Every structure is written in structure tokens, then in C-alpha cells.
N, C-alpha and C. Protein backbone atom coordinates (compact mmCIF):
# COMPACT_ATOMS: atom_id res chain seq x y z
N UNK A 1 99.69 94.41 75.08
CA UNK A 1 99.62 95.49 75.17
C UNK A 1 100.26 96.11 75.50
N UNK A 2 101.05 97.44 75.40
CA UNK A 2 101.47 98.07 76.45
C UNK A 2 101.01 99.09 77.05
N UNK A 3 99.35 99.44 77.13
CA UNK A 3 99.21 99.80 77.74
C UNK A 3 98.34 99.32 79.22
N UNK A 4 98.70 98.18 79.04
CA UNK A 4 98.44 97.01 79.76
C UNK A 4 99.60 97.11 81.31
N UNK A 5 100.61 97.31 80.96
CA UNK A 5 101.90 97.09 81.84
C UNK A 5 101.68 98.04 82.63
N UNK A 6 102.67 97.35 83.99
CA UNK A 6 102.96 97.98 85.12
C UNK A 6 104.19 98.62 84.72
N UNK A 7 104.43 100.10 85.13
CA UNK A 7 105.82 100.69 85.49
C UNK A 7 106.19 101.44 87.16
N UNK A 8 107.27 101.92 87.22
CA UNK A 8 107.82 102.29 88.27
C UNK A 8 106.30 103.45 89.09
N UNK A 9 105.55 104.24 87.80
CA UNK A 9 104.44 105.06 88.34
C UNK A 9 103.32 104.01 88.43
N UNK A 10 103.05 103.33 87.31
CA UNK A 10 101.83 102.46 87.44
C UNK A 10 102.03 101.12 87.96
N UNK A 11 102.24 101.08 89.37
CA UNK A 11 103.07 100.10 89.81
C UNK A 11 101.64 99.64 90.57
N UNK A 12 100.83 98.32 89.73
CA UNK A 12 99.96 97.99 90.26
C UNK A 12 100.12 96.52 91.43
N UNK A 13 100.85 96.32 90.99
CA UNK A 13 101.48 95.18 91.60
C UNK A 13 101.41 95.01 93.64
N UNK A 14 101.47 96.56 93.62
CA UNK A 14 101.89 96.90 95.23
C UNK A 14 100.36 96.64 95.75
N UNK A 15 100.87 96.17 97.33
CA UNK A 15 99.21 95.53 98.24
C UNK A 15 98.74 96.56 98.12
N UNK A 16 98.80 97.96 98.09
CA UNK A 16 97.84 98.76 98.59
C UNK A 16 96.98 99.04 97.00
N UNK A 17 97.06 98.62 95.88
CA UNK A 17 96.54 98.67 94.74
C UNK A 17 95.39 97.80 94.01
N UNK A 18 96.45 96.40 94.79
CA UNK A 18 95.94 95.35 94.44
C UNK A 18 94.71 94.92 95.69
N UNK A 19 94.61 95.64 96.78
CA UNK A 19 93.85 96.21 97.75
C UNK A 19 92.50 96.59 97.43
N UNK A 20 92.89 97.77 96.58
CA UNK A 20 91.78 98.64 96.27
C UNK A 20 90.85 98.23 94.84
N UNK A 21 91.35 97.57 94.11
CA UNK A 21 90.83 96.51 93.19
C UNK A 21 90.33 95.01 93.43
N UNK A 22 90.39 94.65 94.88
CA UNK A 22 90.24 93.84 95.31
C UNK A 22 88.68 92.94 94.90
N UNK A 23 87.88 93.81 95.34
CA UNK A 23 86.69 94.02 95.26
C UNK A 23 86.27 93.67 93.67
N UNK A 24 86.97 93.99 92.65
CA UNK A 24 86.16 93.91 91.04
C UNK A 24 86.84 92.57 90.41
N UNK A 25 87.99 91.85 91.45
CA UNK A 25 88.45 90.74 90.90
C UNK A 25 87.58 89.91 90.51
N UNK A 26 86.78 89.31 91.67
CA UNK A 26 86.13 88.33 91.48
C UNK A 26 84.16 88.49 91.39
N UNK A 27 84.27 89.87 90.64
CA UNK A 27 82.87 90.14 90.47
C UNK A 27 82.66 89.67 88.84
N UNK A 28 81.71 89.15 88.61
CA UNK A 28 81.46 88.71 87.37
C UNK A 28 80.81 89.47 86.76
N UNK A 29 81.09 90.90 86.62
CA UNK A 29 81.06 92.04 85.91
C UNK A 29 81.39 92.38 84.68
N UNK A 30 81.23 93.07 83.45
CA UNK A 30 81.98 93.55 82.36
C UNK A 30 83.18 94.81 82.91
N UNK A 31 84.25 94.46 81.87
CA UNK A 31 84.77 95.70 81.85
C UNK A 31 84.20 97.12 82.16
N UNK A 32 83.44 97.15 81.28
CA UNK A 32 82.88 98.54 81.07
C UNK A 32 82.27 98.86 82.58
N UNK A 33 81.73 98.14 83.15
CA UNK A 33 80.71 98.15 84.51
C UNK A 33 82.31 98.64 85.60
N UNK A 34 82.93 97.53 85.27
CA UNK A 34 84.54 98.06 86.14
C UNK A 34 84.64 99.34 86.41
N UNK A 35 85.36 99.69 84.99
CA UNK A 35 85.59 100.89 84.61
C UNK A 35 84.32 102.30 85.47
N UNK A 36 83.88 101.78 85.38
CA UNK A 36 82.85 103.21 86.16
C UNK A 36 82.75 103.02 87.32
N UNK A 37 83.07 102.02 88.00
CA UNK A 37 82.96 101.74 89.56
C UNK A 37 84.03 102.23 89.89
N UNK A 38 85.36 102.17 88.89
CA UNK A 38 86.43 102.53 89.80
C UNK A 38 86.63 104.30 89.10
N UNK A 39 85.98 104.34 88.48
CA UNK A 39 86.09 105.92 88.03
C UNK A 39 85.32 106.31 89.20
N UNK A 40 84.63 106.23 89.51
CA UNK A 40 83.27 106.77 90.28
C UNK A 40 83.98 106.95 91.42
N UNK A 41 84.90 106.14 91.86
CA UNK A 41 85.41 105.82 93.31
C UNK A 41 86.91 106.72 93.58
N UNK A 42 87.82 106.64 92.66
CA UNK A 42 88.44 107.13 92.37
C UNK A 42 88.04 109.06 92.43
N UNK A 43 87.34 109.23 91.78
CA UNK A 43 86.67 110.74 91.76
C UNK A 43 86.38 111.05 92.75
N UNK A 44 85.28 110.45 93.75
CA UNK A 44 84.95 111.32 94.53
C UNK A 44 85.40 110.47 96.33
N UNK A 45 86.60 109.63 96.09
CA UNK A 45 87.52 109.12 97.66
C UNK A 45 88.36 109.57 97.94
N UNK A 46 88.46 110.42 96.67
CA UNK A 46 90.12 111.19 96.73
C UNK A 46 89.48 112.61 96.72
N UNK A 47 89.56 113.79 97.31
CA UNK A 47 89.52 115.19 96.98
C UNK A 47 89.89 115.29 96.48
N UNK A 48 89.66 117.08 95.43
CA UNK A 48 90.72 117.26 94.12
C UNK A 48 91.02 118.29 95.16
N UNK A 49 92.74 118.54 94.90
CA UNK A 49 93.47 119.84 95.68
C UNK A 49 94.28 119.82 94.37
N UNK A 50 94.35 121.26 93.96
CA UNK A 50 95.80 121.66 92.82
C UNK A 50 96.76 121.98 93.40
N UNK A 51 96.66 122.34 94.64
CA UNK A 51 97.64 123.34 95.35
C UNK A 51 98.90 122.49 96.25
N UNK A 52 99.06 121.55 95.52
CA UNK A 52 100.20 120.52 96.05
C UNK A 52 100.86 120.22 94.83
N UNK A 53 101.86 120.87 94.56
CA UNK A 53 102.65 120.51 93.36
C UNK A 53 103.74 119.87 93.82
N UNK A 54 104.03 118.88 93.06
CA UNK A 54 105.32 117.86 93.11
C UNK A 54 106.04 117.49 92.01
N UNK A 55 107.55 117.99 91.85
CA UNK A 55 107.94 117.14 90.75
C UNK A 55 109.19 116.81 91.29
N UNK A 56 108.95 115.07 92.12
CA UNK A 56 109.55 114.18 92.58
C UNK A 56 108.99 113.29 91.98
N UNK A 57 109.71 112.10 91.74
CA UNK A 57 109.27 110.87 91.13
C UNK A 57 108.49 110.27 92.15
N UNK A 58 108.65 109.77 93.36
CA UNK A 58 107.89 109.01 94.20
C UNK A 58 106.83 109.32 94.01
N UNK A 59 106.66 110.99 94.05
CA UNK A 59 104.91 111.73 94.17
C UNK A 59 103.95 110.90 93.81
N UNK A 60 104.56 110.24 92.02
CA UNK A 60 103.84 110.25 91.31
C UNK A 60 103.41 108.60 91.06
N UNK A 61 103.62 107.94 92.39
CA UNK A 61 103.69 106.49 92.30
C UNK A 61 101.79 106.11 92.15
N UNK A 62 101.40 105.49 91.74
CA UNK A 62 100.31 105.29 92.02
C UNK A 62 100.03 104.29 93.67
N UNK A 63 101.11 104.04 93.77
CA UNK A 63 100.45 103.43 95.56
C UNK A 63 100.94 104.16 96.42
N UNK A 64 102.07 105.45 96.04
CA UNK A 64 101.81 106.46 97.42
C UNK A 64 100.72 107.69 97.11
N UNK A 65 99.96 107.48 96.08
CA UNK A 65 98.82 108.73 95.52
C UNK A 65 97.45 107.87 96.49
N UNK A 66 97.24 106.66 96.31
CA UNK A 66 96.69 105.94 97.07
C UNK A 66 96.22 105.87 98.37
N UNK A 67 97.32 105.73 99.17
CA UNK A 67 97.17 105.95 100.61
C UNK A 67 97.51 107.55 101.14
N UNK A 68 97.03 108.56 100.05
CA UNK A 68 96.54 109.68 100.80
C UNK A 68 94.94 110.00 100.20
N UNK A 69 94.64 110.93 100.66
CA UNK A 69 93.05 111.56 100.93
C UNK A 69 92.71 112.68 99.84
N UNK A 70 93.48 113.12 98.97
CA UNK A 70 93.56 114.30 98.29
C UNK A 70 94.56 113.55 97.07
N UNK A 71 94.08 114.38 96.13
CA UNK A 71 94.87 114.37 94.94
C UNK A 71 94.78 115.67 93.75
N UNK A 72 95.88 115.79 93.06
CA UNK A 72 95.20 116.90 91.81
C UNK A 72 95.16 115.84 90.71
N UNK A 73 94.39 116.61 89.69
CA UNK A 73 94.09 115.64 88.36
C UNK A 73 94.92 114.69 88.13
N UNK A 74 96.50 115.30 87.68
CA UNK A 74 97.31 114.07 87.29
C UNK A 74 97.84 112.70 88.43
N UNK A 75 97.52 113.47 89.56
CA UNK A 75 97.52 112.18 90.46
C UNK A 75 96.60 111.18 90.60
N UNK A 76 95.28 111.92 90.43
CA UNK A 76 94.17 111.18 90.61
C UNK A 76 93.96 110.17 89.33
N UNK A 77 94.84 110.62 87.67
CA UNK A 77 94.61 110.31 87.05
C UNK A 77 95.30 109.19 86.93
N UNK A 78 96.30 109.15 87.48
CA UNK A 78 97.47 108.35 87.77
C UNK A 78 97.11 106.88 88.26
N UNK A 79 96.49 107.65 89.69
CA UNK A 79 95.68 106.47 90.19
C UNK A 79 94.66 105.17 89.94
N UNK A 80 93.91 106.08 88.70
CA UNK A 80 92.95 104.91 88.43
C UNK A 80 93.65 104.22 86.84
N UNK A 81 94.21 104.91 85.80
CA UNK A 81 95.45 104.23 85.32
C UNK A 81 95.82 102.61 85.97
N UNK A 82 96.41 102.67 87.11
CA UNK A 82 96.71 101.41 87.63
C UNK A 82 95.94 100.42 87.84
N UNK A 83 94.69 100.79 88.42
CA UNK A 83 93.98 100.55 88.70
C UNK A 83 93.39 99.44 87.67
N UNK A 84 92.87 100.47 86.70
CA UNK A 84 92.47 99.88 85.48
C UNK A 84 93.63 99.05 84.87
N UNK A 85 94.67 98.93 84.65
CA UNK A 85 95.87 97.91 84.25
C UNK A 85 95.50 97.02 84.93
N UNK A 86 95.09 97.04 86.53
CA UNK A 86 95.27 96.08 87.56
C UNK A 86 94.35 94.79 87.02
N UNK A 87 93.36 95.74 86.33
CA UNK A 87 92.33 94.80 86.12
C UNK A 87 92.21 94.55 84.65
N UNK A 88 93.44 94.53 83.82
CA UNK A 88 93.81 94.08 82.34
C UNK A 88 92.89 94.88 81.90
N UNK A 89 92.32 96.28 82.00
CA UNK A 89 91.67 97.15 80.86
C UNK A 89 93.01 98.14 80.77
N UNK A 90 92.63 98.40 78.91
CA UNK A 90 94.00 99.28 78.70
C UNK A 90 93.74 100.57 78.94
N UNK A 91 94.58 101.32 79.65
CA UNK A 91 94.70 102.39 80.19
C UNK A 91 96.02 103.69 80.10
N UNK A 92 95.55 105.21 79.87
CA UNK A 92 97.12 105.60 79.33
C UNK A 92 96.49 106.97 79.66
N UNK A 93 97.91 107.87 80.27
CA UNK A 93 97.55 108.87 80.56
C UNK A 93 97.46 110.33 79.68
N UNK A 94 96.64 111.19 79.89
CA UNK A 94 96.46 112.18 77.95
C UNK A 94 96.38 113.86 78.69
N UNK A 95 97.59 114.55 78.78
CA UNK A 95 97.65 115.68 79.28
C UNK A 95 97.30 116.70 78.20
N UNK A 96 96.81 117.96 78.68
CA UNK A 96 96.64 118.98 78.09
C UNK A 96 96.54 120.25 79.15
N UNK A 97 95.90 121.18 78.49
CA UNK A 97 95.83 123.26 79.38
C UNK A 97 94.54 122.93 79.72
N UNK A 98 93.50 123.55 80.50
CA UNK A 98 92.41 124.05 80.88
C UNK A 98 92.03 124.98 81.78
N UNK A 99 90.88 126.22 80.98
CA UNK A 99 90.79 127.07 81.93
C UNK A 99 89.64 127.08 82.65
N UNK A 100 89.58 127.74 83.38
CA UNK A 100 88.43 127.54 84.81
C UNK A 100 87.91 129.01 84.80
N UNK A 101 86.45 128.95 84.64
CA UNK A 101 86.21 130.46 84.59
C UNK A 101 84.93 130.50 86.06
N UNK A 102 85.02 129.46 87.06
CA UNK A 102 83.94 129.58 88.34
C UNK A 102 84.97 129.17 89.39
N UNK A 103 85.18 130.25 90.63
CA UNK A 103 85.75 130.13 91.73
C UNK A 103 87.09 130.01 91.33
N UNK A 104 87.71 130.82 90.51
CA UNK A 104 89.07 130.80 90.63
C UNK A 104 89.73 131.88 91.15
N UNK A 105 88.91 132.66 92.33
CA UNK A 105 89.96 133.62 93.01
C UNK A 105 91.41 133.32 93.58
N UNK A 106 90.97 131.91 94.14
CA UNK A 106 92.74 131.36 94.54
C UNK A 106 93.54 130.80 93.73
N UNK A 107 92.69 130.21 92.30
CA UNK A 107 93.81 130.26 91.92
C UNK A 107 94.32 131.26 91.23
N UNK A 108 93.83 132.35 90.88
CA UNK A 108 94.82 133.28 90.10
C UNK A 108 95.30 133.69 91.03
N UNK A 109 95.15 133.76 92.38
CA UNK A 109 95.89 134.35 93.57
C UNK A 109 97.38 133.40 93.63
N UNK A 110 97.63 132.23 93.55
CA UNK A 110 98.38 131.29 93.61
C UNK A 110 99.00 130.99 92.35
N UNK A 111 98.70 130.79 91.19
CA UNK A 111 99.28 130.70 90.46
C UNK A 111 99.67 131.52 89.28
N UNK A 112 98.95 132.79 89.59
CA UNK A 112 98.54 134.07 88.54
C UNK A 112 98.34 134.15 87.43
N UNK A 113 97.31 132.90 87.00
CA UNK A 113 96.58 132.95 86.18
C UNK A 113 95.17 131.82 86.29
N UNK A 114 94.04 131.65 85.46
CA UNK A 114 92.92 130.75 85.75
C UNK A 114 93.59 129.54 85.17
N UNK A 115 94.60 129.61 84.21
CA UNK A 115 94.92 128.42 83.24
C UNK A 115 95.73 127.26 84.29
N UNK A 116 95.27 125.95 84.16
CA UNK A 116 95.84 124.90 84.87
C UNK A 116 96.49 124.16 83.83
N UNK A 117 98.00 123.89 84.35
CA UNK A 117 98.85 122.86 82.54
C UNK A 117 100.08 122.51 84.01
N UNK A 118 99.94 121.21 83.39
CA UNK A 118 99.62 120.08 83.16
C UNK A 118 97.98 119.66 83.38
N UNK A 119 97.17 119.26 83.17
CA UNK A 119 95.94 119.06 83.31
C UNK A 119 96.21 117.33 83.13
N UNK A 120 95.72 116.68 83.82
CA UNK A 120 96.05 115.09 83.34
C UNK A 120 94.13 114.11 83.37
N UNK A 121 94.02 113.91 82.16
CA UNK A 121 92.83 113.16 82.31
C UNK A 121 93.53 111.27 81.90
N UNK A 122 92.55 110.50 81.63
CA UNK A 122 92.83 109.06 81.32
C UNK A 122 92.11 108.64 80.13
N UNK A 123 92.75 108.19 79.39
CA UNK A 123 92.19 107.24 77.91
C UNK A 123 91.90 106.00 78.67
N UNK A 124 90.82 105.00 78.34
CA UNK A 124 90.56 104.13 78.61
C UNK A 124 89.65 103.15 77.53
N UNK A 125 90.20 102.25 77.16
CA UNK A 125 89.97 101.31 76.29
C UNK A 125 89.09 100.15 76.47
N UNK A 126 88.05 100.63 75.49
CA UNK A 126 86.58 99.93 76.08
C UNK A 126 86.04 99.11 75.09
N UNK A 127 85.59 98.24 74.88
CA UNK A 127 85.37 97.62 73.60
C UNK A 127 85.50 98.05 72.05
N UNK A 128 87.08 98.26 72.21
CA UNK A 128 87.69 98.56 71.07
C UNK A 128 88.01 100.01 70.56
N UNK A 129 87.07 100.86 71.69
CA UNK A 129 87.50 102.08 71.45
C UNK A 129 87.95 102.96 72.56
N UNK A 130 88.86 103.96 72.44
CA UNK A 130 89.51 104.83 73.41
C UNK A 130 88.59 106.10 73.81
N UNK A 131 88.25 106.19 75.17
CA UNK A 131 87.25 107.34 75.63
C UNK A 131 88.58 108.00 76.73
N UNK A 132 88.23 109.34 76.99
CA UNK A 132 88.48 110.24 77.65
C UNK A 132 87.60 110.30 78.94
N UNK A 133 88.11 110.75 80.10
CA UNK A 133 87.43 110.63 81.15
C UNK A 133 88.43 110.76 82.23
N UNK A 134 87.65 111.88 82.87
CA UNK A 134 88.36 113.25 84.38
C UNK A 134 87.92 112.64 85.01
N UNK A 135 88.67 111.93 86.39
CA UNK A 135 88.06 112.03 87.86
C UNK A 135 88.26 112.99 89.12
N UNK A 136 89.00 114.29 88.16
CA UNK A 136 89.34 114.96 88.98
C UNK A 136 88.41 115.77 89.95
N UNK A 137 87.25 116.19 89.87
CA UNK A 137 86.20 117.07 90.39
C UNK A 137 85.70 116.04 91.41
N UNK A 138 85.75 115.69 93.03
CA UNK A 138 84.52 114.52 93.80
C UNK A 138 83.39 115.36 93.74
N UNK A 139 82.70 114.40 93.83
CA UNK A 139 81.15 115.05 94.13
C UNK A 139 80.97 116.14 94.97
N UNK A 140 81.42 116.16 96.07
CA UNK A 140 81.50 116.89 96.79
C UNK A 140 82.13 118.79 97.00
N UNK A 141 82.97 118.95 95.85
CA UNK A 141 83.21 119.64 95.26
C UNK A 141 82.23 120.31 94.06
N UNK A 142 81.92 119.38 93.69
CA UNK A 142 81.06 119.76 92.65
C UNK A 142 79.67 120.25 93.17
N UNK A 143 79.18 119.74 94.29
CA UNK A 143 78.29 120.32 94.94
C UNK A 143 78.30 121.60 95.14
N UNK A 144 79.58 122.26 96.25
CA UNK A 144 79.76 123.43 96.46
C UNK A 144 80.09 124.50 95.06
N UNK A 145 79.95 124.23 94.17
CA UNK A 145 80.25 124.93 93.06
C UNK A 145 79.09 124.56 92.02
N UNK A 146 78.18 124.68 92.29
CA UNK A 146 76.75 124.12 91.82
C UNK A 146 76.76 123.57 90.61
N UNK A 147 78.02 122.48 90.33
CA UNK A 147 78.11 121.55 89.61
C UNK A 147 77.81 120.51 89.33
N UNK A 148 77.29 119.81 88.16
CA UNK A 148 76.52 118.60 87.89
C UNK A 148 78.28 117.37 88.04
N UNK A 149 78.28 116.53 88.92
CA UNK A 149 79.10 115.84 88.94
C UNK A 149 79.88 114.91 87.41
N UNK A 150 80.75 114.91 87.18
CA UNK A 150 80.95 114.48 85.92
C UNK A 150 81.17 113.01 85.80
N UNK A 151 79.71 112.23 85.51
CA UNK A 151 79.30 110.76 85.29
C UNK A 151 80.36 110.54 83.82
N UNK A 152 80.63 109.28 83.85
CA UNK A 152 80.71 108.42 83.18
C UNK A 152 79.68 106.94 82.62
N UNK A 153 79.59 106.86 81.53
CA UNK A 153 78.63 105.54 81.18
C UNK A 153 79.40 104.60 80.43
N UNK A 154 80.49 104.89 80.52
CA UNK A 154 81.53 103.42 79.85
C UNK A 154 81.31 103.55 78.40
N UNK A 155 80.33 104.42 77.77
CA UNK A 155 80.24 104.52 76.36
C UNK A 155 80.75 105.82 75.58
N UNK A 156 80.92 106.55 76.72
CA UNK A 156 81.26 108.06 75.81
C UNK A 156 82.26 108.87 76.69
N UNK A 157 82.55 109.88 76.35
CA UNK A 157 83.98 110.91 76.95
C UNK A 157 83.18 111.58 78.07
N UNK A 158 84.10 111.58 78.93
CA UNK A 158 83.44 112.22 80.58
C UNK A 158 84.60 113.14 80.43
N UNK A 159 84.89 113.99 80.08
CA UNK A 159 86.18 114.49 80.38
C UNK A 159 86.06 116.29 80.92
N UNK A 160 84.65 116.80 80.17
CA UNK A 160 84.32 118.39 80.01
C UNK A 160 83.24 118.46 80.97
N UNK A 161 83.55 119.53 81.82
CA UNK A 161 82.02 120.45 82.69
C UNK A 161 82.17 121.41 82.30
N UNK A 162 81.38 121.72 80.67
CA UNK A 162 82.16 123.11 80.32
C UNK A 162 80.82 123.73 81.26
N UNK A 163 79.82 123.90 81.47
CA UNK A 163 78.65 124.70 82.35
C UNK A 163 78.41 124.34 83.59
N UNK A 164 78.35 124.98 84.63
CA UNK A 164 77.74 124.51 85.83
C UNK A 164 76.35 124.81 85.61
N UNK A 165 75.45 124.22 86.77
CA UNK A 165 73.91 124.12 86.68
C UNK A 165 73.42 125.40 86.69
N UNK A 166 73.54 126.35 86.36
CA UNK A 166 72.97 127.82 86.06
C UNK A 166 73.44 128.47 84.67
N UNK A 167 74.55 127.45 83.65
CA UNK A 167 74.61 127.80 82.81
C UNK A 167 75.52 128.29 82.52
N UNK A 168 76.70 128.61 83.59
CA UNK A 168 77.34 129.91 82.86
C UNK A 168 78.66 129.07 82.80
N UNK A 169 79.87 129.33 82.02
CA UNK A 169 80.87 128.86 81.59
C UNK A 169 81.91 128.30 82.38
N UNK A 170 82.17 126.95 82.77
CA UNK A 170 82.59 126.71 84.21
C UNK A 170 84.42 126.40 83.95
N UNK A 171 84.43 125.75 82.48
CA UNK A 171 85.64 125.21 81.89
C UNK A 171 85.95 124.71 80.81
N UNK A 172 86.60 124.92 80.31
CA UNK A 172 87.51 125.08 78.73
C UNK A 172 88.98 124.40 78.59
N UNK A 173 89.35 123.14 77.61
CA UNK A 173 90.56 123.11 77.32
C UNK A 173 90.68 123.99 76.07
N UNK A 174 92.17 124.37 76.49
CA UNK A 174 92.52 125.28 75.33
C UNK A 174 94.34 124.89 74.79
N UNK A 175 94.60 123.44 75.39
CA UNK A 175 96.18 122.78 74.83
C UNK A 175 95.48 121.45 74.81
N UNK A 176 96.05 120.66 73.79
CA UNK A 176 96.42 119.04 74.09
C UNK A 176 97.20 118.85 73.67
N UNK A 177 98.15 118.17 74.54
CA UNK A 177 99.49 117.45 74.53
C UNK A 177 99.69 116.03 74.66
N UNK A 178 98.49 115.41 74.34
CA UNK A 178 98.23 113.92 73.91
C UNK A 178 98.37 112.99 74.66
N UNK A 179 98.30 111.86 74.52
CA UNK A 179 98.60 110.81 75.65
C UNK A 179 100.00 110.15 75.49
N UNK A 180 100.42 109.30 76.77
CA UNK A 180 101.76 108.90 76.99
C UNK A 180 101.70 107.37 77.45
N UNK A 181 102.29 106.80 77.36
CA UNK A 181 102.26 105.29 77.71
C UNK A 181 102.63 105.32 78.94
N UNK A 182 103.53 106.45 79.88
CA UNK A 182 103.88 106.52 81.09
C UNK A 182 104.19 107.89 81.52
N UNK A 183 104.24 108.25 83.04
CA UNK A 183 104.05 109.35 83.01
C UNK A 183 105.06 109.76 82.84
N UNK A 184 105.26 111.45 81.94
CA UNK A 184 106.21 112.42 81.37
C UNK A 184 106.90 112.77 81.94
N UNK A 185 107.97 112.93 83.25
CA UNK A 185 107.76 113.53 84.39
C UNK A 185 108.68 114.67 84.02
N UNK A 186 109.25 114.81 83.05
CA UNK A 186 110.58 115.73 82.52
C UNK A 186 109.74 116.96 81.72
N UNK A 187 108.87 116.07 80.85
CA UNK A 187 108.08 117.26 80.13
C UNK A 187 106.99 117.47 81.15
N UNK A 188 106.16 117.10 82.36
CA UNK A 188 105.75 118.25 83.26
C UNK A 188 106.72 118.95 83.65
N UNK A 189 107.35 118.90 84.49
CA UNK A 189 108.79 119.59 85.01
C UNK A 189 108.57 121.29 83.81
N UNK A 190 109.19 120.88 82.71
CA UNK A 190 109.38 122.00 82.17
C UNK A 190 107.99 122.84 81.76
N UNK A 191 106.71 121.63 81.36
CA UNK A 191 106.22 122.37 81.51
C UNK A 191 104.99 123.56 82.49
N UNK A 192 105.61 123.11 84.04
CA UNK A 192 105.28 123.79 84.82
C UNK A 192 105.83 125.16 85.45
N UNK A 193 107.26 124.60 85.04
CA UNK A 193 108.27 126.03 85.33
C UNK A 193 107.87 127.03 83.90
N UNK A 194 107.45 126.66 82.86
CA UNK A 194 107.67 127.54 81.84
C UNK A 194 106.13 128.62 82.10
N UNK A 195 105.26 127.61 82.40
CA UNK A 195 103.73 128.45 82.58
C UNK A 195 104.12 129.04 84.34
N UNK A 196 104.58 128.65 84.91
CA UNK A 196 104.49 129.55 86.50
C UNK A 196 105.79 129.51 87.08
N UNK A 197 106.96 130.46 86.45
CA UNK A 197 107.89 130.80 86.67
C UNK A 197 107.99 131.81 88.05
N UNK A 198 107.07 132.51 88.79
CA UNK A 198 107.15 133.06 89.21
C UNK A 198 107.09 132.44 90.98
N UNK A 199 106.07 131.18 90.78
CA UNK A 199 106.03 129.96 91.73
C UNK A 199 107.84 129.93 92.43
N UNK A 200 108.33 129.58 91.53
CA UNK A 200 110.19 128.86 91.56
C UNK A 200 111.00 130.20 91.75
N UNK A 201 110.52 131.52 91.75
CA UNK A 201 111.25 132.52 92.18
C UNK A 201 111.82 133.01 93.92
N UNK A 202 110.47 131.86 94.14
CA UNK A 202 110.30 132.36 95.28
C UNK A 202 110.90 130.78 96.60
N UNK A 203 111.12 129.90 96.05
CA UNK A 203 111.06 128.06 96.27
C UNK A 203 112.90 127.78 96.22
N UNK A 204 113.45 127.68 97.45
CA UNK A 204 114.83 127.32 97.10
C UNK A 204 114.65 125.51 97.08
N UNK A 205 113.29 125.04 97.48
CA UNK A 205 113.53 123.66 96.97
C UNK A 205 112.12 123.58 96.00
N UNK A 206 112.34 122.98 94.84
CA UNK A 206 111.41 123.29 93.63
C UNK A 206 110.81 121.56 93.63
N UNK A 207 111.43 120.65 94.32
CA UNK A 207 110.83 119.68 94.24
C UNK A 207 109.50 119.24 94.90
N UNK A 208 109.09 119.83 95.71
CA UNK A 208 107.52 119.25 96.27
C UNK A 208 107.29 120.64 97.06
N UNK A 209 105.72 121.22 97.21
CA UNK A 209 105.49 122.27 97.91
C UNK A 209 103.93 122.60 97.97
N UNK A 210 103.61 123.08 98.79
CA UNK A 210 101.88 123.45 98.45
C UNK A 210 101.87 124.67 98.86
N UNK A 211 101.01 125.25 97.46
CA UNK A 211 100.81 126.91 97.50
C UNK A 211 99.86 127.24 98.45
């Protein structure tokens, strides 16, 4: 199946990815339990950072992301996909556009909007069913935002935190770009430049920068 294959981006043969999944290789647990454990691990061990924007190929390799301590939603999704494929669990990248409604002051200042695109999540196939899961927001960040962490139970989608603990609107999907077999870097570049042209007006090097 093509959603099990390694690639330049999902380079799960790399030692750092093999080390990351090694504790699950010898465990006699179901794919569902492995997927849940990996989802939680990547959600919480890599802090969410939407302000590092990269348009370079190397930045989106799972093995490079694994060596960092932070990641944006696309990076964390790529890492989770590589780990899932390393355990022979089919997975693919899904992209869309989201709007955030809480703690958006810095987002609006840096991006000129509270809309983020492309937003990355993961499609994982368990028990012959494709599920959408989003490992973006780490538990400690959710606590700061008065937001319940987005847990994955292996049976249902875990891709949207619509409200915070007080019932205030937190996040919504406003566009869906579909799923991809591999990382569609050229599509992502066009998408970012179209939605945030003001960022690139002031940058000589648009390959990689921090807002």
C-alpha cells in the first residue's frame, strides 16, 4: 500500500525514527494502541510553534523534525506519519485552513489574520477505517489556553477542538485541501505566499525564517 512507503520526507528508515518507535516494535499490542501511544507522544513531546515557517525541503524530513523540540502542525503531522508507517500502520498527510478564536493577538500581529494555512493533520487507517487526527497542540499549551487536550481513542476522529473549557469558540476548519500521499511542498509554498504576501515583502530569504 502506498501509504506505508518511506519517502524523502517520511524517511522512517533513519535511525532517529527507528529509535523513536523502537519501544513499540517488541510490544504485543494492537495497531490501535500503538497509534494512540504515538499520537500522544508526538502531541506532547514536541511543543507547538506556528511561528517557524520553512519552505525548504530538508525542513520537512521526519528525521530532522524528530531532532527538534518544537514543531508546527505540518511538521508534527509528518513526524507522526513517518512513525506510523514505520510500524506498518497506513498514514497520510491531510491539509486544510483553520481559524483560531482564542489567544490570537500574536497570530494576527505576525500573520495579519487569525487564519492559519496550510494546517496539517494526519489520516490514519485503523480497522479498515480512515480517521483524522491532529497532534498539533501539546498538553501544556492546552492548559495555558484553558483547553482540554485533544485525545485520540483509536475509533473516532480527533482533529478539532471547537470550544475551550468555558464553552468559548476556539477553532474551526474553513477549508479542506484533501489528503496527500507525500508532502506537497510546491502546493504548500504557493498556499503560504498567496495567503501571507506581506511576510515575503520584507524577507530577502523566503526559504526559512521565524516570525
